[in-house]
N, C-alpha and C. Protein backbone atom coordinates (compact mmCIF):
# COMPACT_ATOMS: atom_id res chain seq x y z
N MET A 1 35.84 47.87 96.79
CA MET A 1 35.31 47.03 95.73
C MET A 1 33.78 47.11 95.69
N LYS A 2 33.17 47.07 96.88
CA LYS A 2 31.71 47.13 96.97
C LYS A 2 31.18 48.45 96.39
N ASN A 3 31.87 49.55 96.72
CA ASN A 3 31.47 50.86 96.21
C ASN A 3 31.60 50.93 94.69
N LEU A 4 32.61 50.28 94.13
CA LEU A 4 32.82 50.25 92.70
C LEU A 4 31.68 49.51 92.00
N LEU A 5 31.27 48.38 92.56
CA LEU A 5 30.15 47.61 91.99
C LEU A 5 28.84 48.41 92.04
N ILE A 6 28.60 49.09 93.14
CA ILE A 6 27.39 49.90 93.28
C ILE A 6 27.40 51.04 92.26
N ALA A 7 28.54 51.70 92.10
CA ALA A 7 28.66 52.80 91.14
C ALA A 7 28.45 52.30 89.71
N ALA A 8 29.00 51.12 89.40
CA ALA A 8 28.83 50.56 88.06
C ALA A 8 27.37 50.20 87.81
N ALA A 9 26.71 49.61 88.79
CA ALA A 9 25.29 49.24 88.64
C ALA A 9 24.43 50.48 88.46
N LEU A 10 24.72 51.52 89.21
CA LEU A 10 23.98 52.78 89.10
C LEU A 10 24.17 53.41 87.72
N ALA A 11 25.38 53.40 87.21
CA ALA A 11 25.67 53.96 85.89
C ALA A 11 24.93 53.20 84.80
N LEU A 12 24.91 51.88 84.90
CA LEU A 12 24.20 51.07 83.90
C LEU A 12 22.70 51.31 83.94
N SER A 13 22.12 51.40 85.14
CA SER A 13 20.67 51.60 85.23
C SER A 13 20.28 52.99 84.73
N THR A 14 21.09 53.99 84.97
CA THR A 14 20.82 55.34 84.47
C THR A 14 20.87 55.38 82.96
N THR A 15 21.85 54.71 82.36
CA THR A 15 21.97 54.65 80.90
C THR A 15 20.77 53.97 80.29
N SER A 16 20.30 52.89 80.89
CA SER A 16 19.13 52.16 80.38
C SER A 16 17.89 53.03 80.41
N VAL A 17 17.71 53.76 81.51
CA VAL A 17 16.54 54.64 81.63
C VAL A 17 16.58 55.73 80.58
N LEU A 18 17.73 56.33 80.35
CA LEU A 18 17.85 57.38 79.35
C LEU A 18 17.56 56.85 77.95
N ALA A 19 18.04 55.66 77.66
CA ALA A 19 17.81 55.09 76.33
C ALA A 19 16.34 54.81 76.10
N GLN A 20 15.62 54.43 77.13
CA GLN A 20 14.21 54.08 76.98
C GLN A 20 13.31 55.31 76.91
N THR A 21 13.75 56.44 77.40
CA THR A 21 12.89 57.62 77.42
C THR A 21 13.09 58.53 76.22
N ALA A 22 14.06 58.21 75.36
CA ALA A 22 14.28 59.03 74.17
C ALA A 22 13.08 58.88 73.23
N THR A 23 12.60 59.98 72.71
CA THR A 23 11.45 59.93 71.81
C THR A 23 11.87 60.28 70.39
N PRO A 24 11.26 59.63 69.40
CA PRO A 24 11.61 59.96 68.02
C PRO A 24 11.09 61.35 67.66
N THR A 25 11.72 61.93 66.68
CA THR A 25 11.29 63.24 66.18
C THR A 25 9.92 63.08 65.55
N PRO A 26 8.94 63.89 65.95
CA PRO A 26 7.60 63.76 65.39
C PRO A 26 7.52 64.21 63.94
N ASN A 27 6.60 63.60 63.22
CA ASN A 27 6.33 64.00 61.84
C ASN A 27 5.70 65.38 61.89
N PRO A 28 6.18 66.35 61.15
CA PRO A 28 5.59 67.68 61.20
C PRO A 28 4.13 67.70 60.75
N ASP A 29 3.70 66.67 60.03
CA ASP A 29 2.32 66.56 59.59
C ASP A 29 1.66 65.45 60.41
N GLY A 30 1.55 65.66 61.72
CA GLY A 30 1.16 64.64 62.67
C GLY A 30 -0.18 63.99 62.48
N ASP A 31 -1.10 64.58 61.72
CA ASP A 31 -2.39 63.96 61.53
C ASP A 31 -2.41 62.98 60.36
N THR A 32 -1.26 62.76 59.77
CA THR A 32 -1.14 61.84 58.65
C THR A 32 -1.15 60.41 59.16
N PRO A 33 -1.92 59.51 58.52
CA PRO A 33 -1.91 58.12 58.96
C PRO A 33 -0.54 57.49 58.76
N ALA A 34 -0.23 56.50 59.60
CA ALA A 34 1.07 55.83 59.50
C ALA A 34 1.20 55.09 58.18
N VAL A 35 0.10 54.52 57.72
CA VAL A 35 0.11 53.82 56.44
C VAL A 35 -1.04 54.37 55.60
N ALA A 36 -0.71 54.81 54.42
CA ALA A 36 -1.71 55.39 53.53
C ALA A 36 -2.60 54.30 52.95
N THR A 37 -3.80 54.66 52.63
CA THR A 37 -4.72 53.78 51.91
C THR A 37 -5.04 54.46 50.59
N PRO A 38 -5.58 53.73 49.62
CA PRO A 38 -5.88 54.38 48.35
C PRO A 38 -6.77 55.62 48.48
N SER A 39 -7.63 55.64 49.51
CA SER A 39 -8.52 56.80 49.67
C SER A 39 -7.90 57.90 50.53
N GLN A 40 -6.78 57.63 51.19
CA GLN A 40 -6.13 58.62 52.05
C GLN A 40 -4.66 58.70 51.71
N GLN A 41 -4.28 59.68 50.95
CA GLN A 41 -2.88 59.90 50.60
C GLN A 41 -2.42 61.18 51.28
N ASN A 42 -1.18 61.21 51.69
CA ASN A 42 -0.60 62.40 52.27
C ASN A 42 -0.39 63.43 51.16
N ALA A 43 -0.91 64.60 51.34
CA ALA A 43 -0.81 65.64 50.32
C ALA A 43 0.63 66.08 50.05
N THR A 44 1.51 65.85 51.01
CA THR A 44 2.91 66.25 50.84
C THR A 44 3.79 65.08 50.42
N ALA A 45 3.19 64.01 49.96
CA ALA A 45 3.94 62.80 49.56
C ALA A 45 4.80 63.08 48.35
N PRO A 46 5.89 62.36 48.17
CA PRO A 46 6.37 61.31 49.06
C PRO A 46 7.05 61.89 50.30
N VAL A 47 6.85 61.22 51.42
CA VAL A 47 7.36 61.68 52.70
C VAL A 47 8.66 60.95 53.02
N GLU A 48 9.66 61.70 53.46
CA GLU A 48 10.93 61.10 53.86
C GLU A 48 10.74 60.31 55.14
N GLY A 49 11.47 59.22 55.27
CA GLY A 49 11.41 58.45 56.50
C GLY A 49 11.94 57.05 56.32
N ALA A 50 12.17 56.38 57.42
CA ALA A 50 12.68 55.02 57.39
C ALA A 50 11.64 54.10 56.76
N ASN A 51 11.98 53.50 55.65
CA ASN A 51 11.05 52.69 54.88
C ASN A 51 11.26 51.23 55.18
N SER A 52 10.20 50.53 55.60
CA SER A 52 10.33 49.12 55.92
C SER A 52 9.82 48.21 54.81
N PHE A 53 9.32 48.79 53.71
CA PHE A 53 8.88 47.97 52.58
C PHE A 53 10.09 47.32 51.92
N THR A 54 9.98 46.03 51.62
CA THR A 54 11.01 45.38 50.81
C THR A 54 10.77 45.79 49.36
N GLU A 55 11.70 45.48 48.50
CA GLU A 55 11.52 45.81 47.08
C GLU A 55 10.29 45.09 46.53
N ALA A 56 10.11 43.83 46.89
CA ALA A 56 8.95 43.06 46.41
C ALA A 56 7.64 43.66 46.92
N GLN A 57 7.60 44.06 48.18
CA GLN A 57 6.40 44.68 48.74
C GLN A 57 6.11 46.01 48.07
N ALA A 58 7.15 46.80 47.82
CA ALA A 58 6.97 48.09 47.14
C ALA A 58 6.39 47.86 45.75
N LYS A 59 6.95 46.91 45.03
CA LYS A 59 6.48 46.62 43.68
C LYS A 59 5.03 46.15 43.71
N ASP A 60 4.69 45.25 44.63
CA ASP A 60 3.31 44.76 44.74
C ASP A 60 2.34 45.89 45.05
N ARG A 61 2.73 46.78 45.93
CA ARG A 61 1.84 47.90 46.30
C ARG A 61 1.62 48.84 45.12
N ILE A 62 2.66 49.07 44.35
CA ILE A 62 2.54 49.94 43.16
C ILE A 62 1.64 49.27 42.13
N ILE A 63 1.80 47.97 41.93
CA ILE A 63 0.94 47.23 40.99
C ILE A 63 -0.51 47.25 41.45
N GLU A 64 -0.74 47.08 42.75
CA GLU A 64 -2.11 47.13 43.30
C GLU A 64 -2.76 48.49 43.07
N ALA A 65 -1.95 49.53 42.92
CA ALA A 65 -2.48 50.87 42.68
C ALA A 65 -2.78 51.11 41.20
N GLY A 66 -2.60 50.08 40.36
CA GLY A 66 -2.98 50.20 38.96
C GLY A 66 -1.83 50.43 37.98
N TYR A 67 -0.61 50.33 38.44
CA TYR A 67 0.54 50.51 37.56
C TYR A 67 0.99 49.15 37.02
N THR A 68 1.60 49.16 35.85
CA THR A 68 2.14 47.93 35.26
C THR A 68 3.60 48.18 34.90
N ASP A 69 4.28 47.13 34.50
CA ASP A 69 5.68 47.23 34.06
C ASP A 69 6.54 48.01 35.05
N VAL A 70 6.43 47.67 36.33
CA VAL A 70 7.22 48.36 37.37
C VAL A 70 8.65 47.85 37.30
N THR A 71 9.59 48.77 37.06
CA THR A 71 11.00 48.41 36.92
C THR A 71 11.90 49.40 37.64
N GLU A 72 13.16 49.03 37.75
CA GLU A 72 14.22 49.90 38.27
C GLU A 72 13.93 50.46 39.66
N LEU A 73 13.28 49.69 40.53
CA LEU A 73 13.01 50.18 41.89
C LEU A 73 14.29 50.26 42.69
N LYS A 74 14.52 51.41 43.27
CA LYS A 74 15.69 51.64 44.11
C LYS A 74 15.24 52.46 45.32
N LEU A 75 15.75 52.09 46.49
CA LEU A 75 15.46 52.85 47.71
C LEU A 75 16.47 53.99 47.80
N ASP A 76 15.99 55.24 47.77
CA ASP A 76 16.91 56.37 47.79
C ASP A 76 17.35 56.70 49.22
N ASP A 77 18.22 57.68 49.36
CA ASP A 77 18.76 58.05 50.67
C ASP A 77 17.74 58.75 51.57
N LYS A 78 16.58 59.06 51.06
CA LYS A 78 15.51 59.69 51.85
C LYS A 78 14.49 58.65 52.33
N GLY A 79 14.69 57.38 51.96
CA GLY A 79 13.77 56.32 52.37
C GLY A 79 12.58 56.18 51.45
N VAL A 80 12.70 56.62 50.21
CA VAL A 80 11.60 56.56 49.24
C VAL A 80 12.00 55.61 48.11
N TRP A 81 11.12 54.66 47.80
CA TRP A 81 11.35 53.79 46.65
C TRP A 81 11.07 54.58 45.39
N GLN A 82 12.00 54.58 44.45
CA GLN A 82 11.88 55.29 43.17
C GLN A 82 11.99 54.27 42.05
N GLY A 83 11.16 54.41 41.03
CA GLY A 83 11.25 53.48 39.90
C GLY A 83 10.50 54.00 38.70
N LYS A 84 10.30 53.12 37.75
CA LYS A 84 9.56 53.45 36.53
C LYS A 84 8.39 52.49 36.42
N ALA A 85 7.31 52.98 35.82
CA ALA A 85 6.11 52.15 35.64
C ALA A 85 5.29 52.71 34.49
N THR A 86 4.21 52.01 34.20
CA THR A 86 3.28 52.44 33.17
C THR A 86 1.88 52.50 33.77
N LYS A 87 1.15 53.55 33.45
CA LYS A 87 -0.25 53.67 33.86
C LYS A 87 -0.99 54.40 32.76
N ASP A 88 -2.12 53.83 32.38
CA ASP A 88 -2.93 54.41 31.29
C ASP A 88 -2.09 54.59 30.03
N ALA A 89 -1.27 53.59 29.73
CA ALA A 89 -0.43 53.55 28.54
C ALA A 89 0.64 54.65 28.50
N LYS A 90 0.93 55.25 29.65
CA LYS A 90 1.96 56.29 29.73
C LYS A 90 3.07 55.85 30.68
N ALA A 91 4.31 56.05 30.26
CA ALA A 91 5.46 55.77 31.12
C ALA A 91 5.59 56.90 32.14
N VAL A 92 5.76 56.52 33.41
CA VAL A 92 5.88 57.51 34.48
C VAL A 92 6.99 57.11 35.43
N ALA A 93 7.52 58.11 36.13
CA ALA A 93 8.40 57.85 37.26
C ALA A 93 7.48 57.70 38.47
N VAL A 94 7.72 56.69 39.27
CA VAL A 94 6.83 56.42 40.40
C VAL A 94 7.63 56.35 41.70
N SER A 95 7.01 56.84 42.79
CA SER A 95 7.65 56.85 44.11
C SER A 95 6.70 56.22 45.11
N LEU A 96 7.28 55.51 46.08
CA LEU A 96 6.51 54.94 47.19
C LEU A 96 7.24 55.28 48.48
N ASP A 97 6.58 56.01 49.38
CA ASP A 97 7.22 56.39 50.63
C ASP A 97 6.89 55.39 51.74
N TYR A 98 7.43 55.64 52.93
CA TYR A 98 7.27 54.71 54.04
C TYR A 98 5.82 54.61 54.52
N GLN A 99 5.00 55.60 54.21
CA GLN A 99 3.60 55.59 54.60
C GLN A 99 2.74 54.82 53.60
N GLY A 100 3.32 54.46 52.47
CA GLY A 100 2.56 53.77 51.44
C GLY A 100 2.00 54.70 50.39
N ASN A 101 2.31 55.98 50.47
CA ASN A 101 1.87 56.94 49.46
C ASN A 101 2.57 56.66 48.15
N ILE A 102 1.81 56.63 47.06
CA ILE A 102 2.36 56.42 45.73
C ILE A 102 2.17 57.70 44.93
N VAL A 103 3.27 58.18 44.36
CA VAL A 103 3.24 59.42 43.59
C VAL A 103 3.86 59.14 42.22
N ALA A 104 3.16 59.56 41.17
CA ALA A 104 3.68 59.41 39.80
C ALA A 104 3.99 60.78 39.24
N LYS A 105 5.05 60.84 38.47
CA LYS A 105 5.46 62.11 37.84
C LYS A 105 5.50 61.92 36.35
């Protein structure tokens, strides 16, 4: 019984260590800031990745960038918010990635 408890404890501690040492896959464009600012946009935007912006935050960030009438925001399977907006009296498709990069098409 004692040997069984020791083996179980050892197995659990090994699993915990392995889980803690796993590293996420690095961004291939590693010099890119984690969060974009209006003066620093990722040239390859929109960038795929786990997006933590809520719909309201995404909409607010797009509006702060000078867009109006932001509608139809949907988070796609690549982690990019996609929607429609207006800028300079033109209707555009707009994207917001996890870094905060805003791209209009």
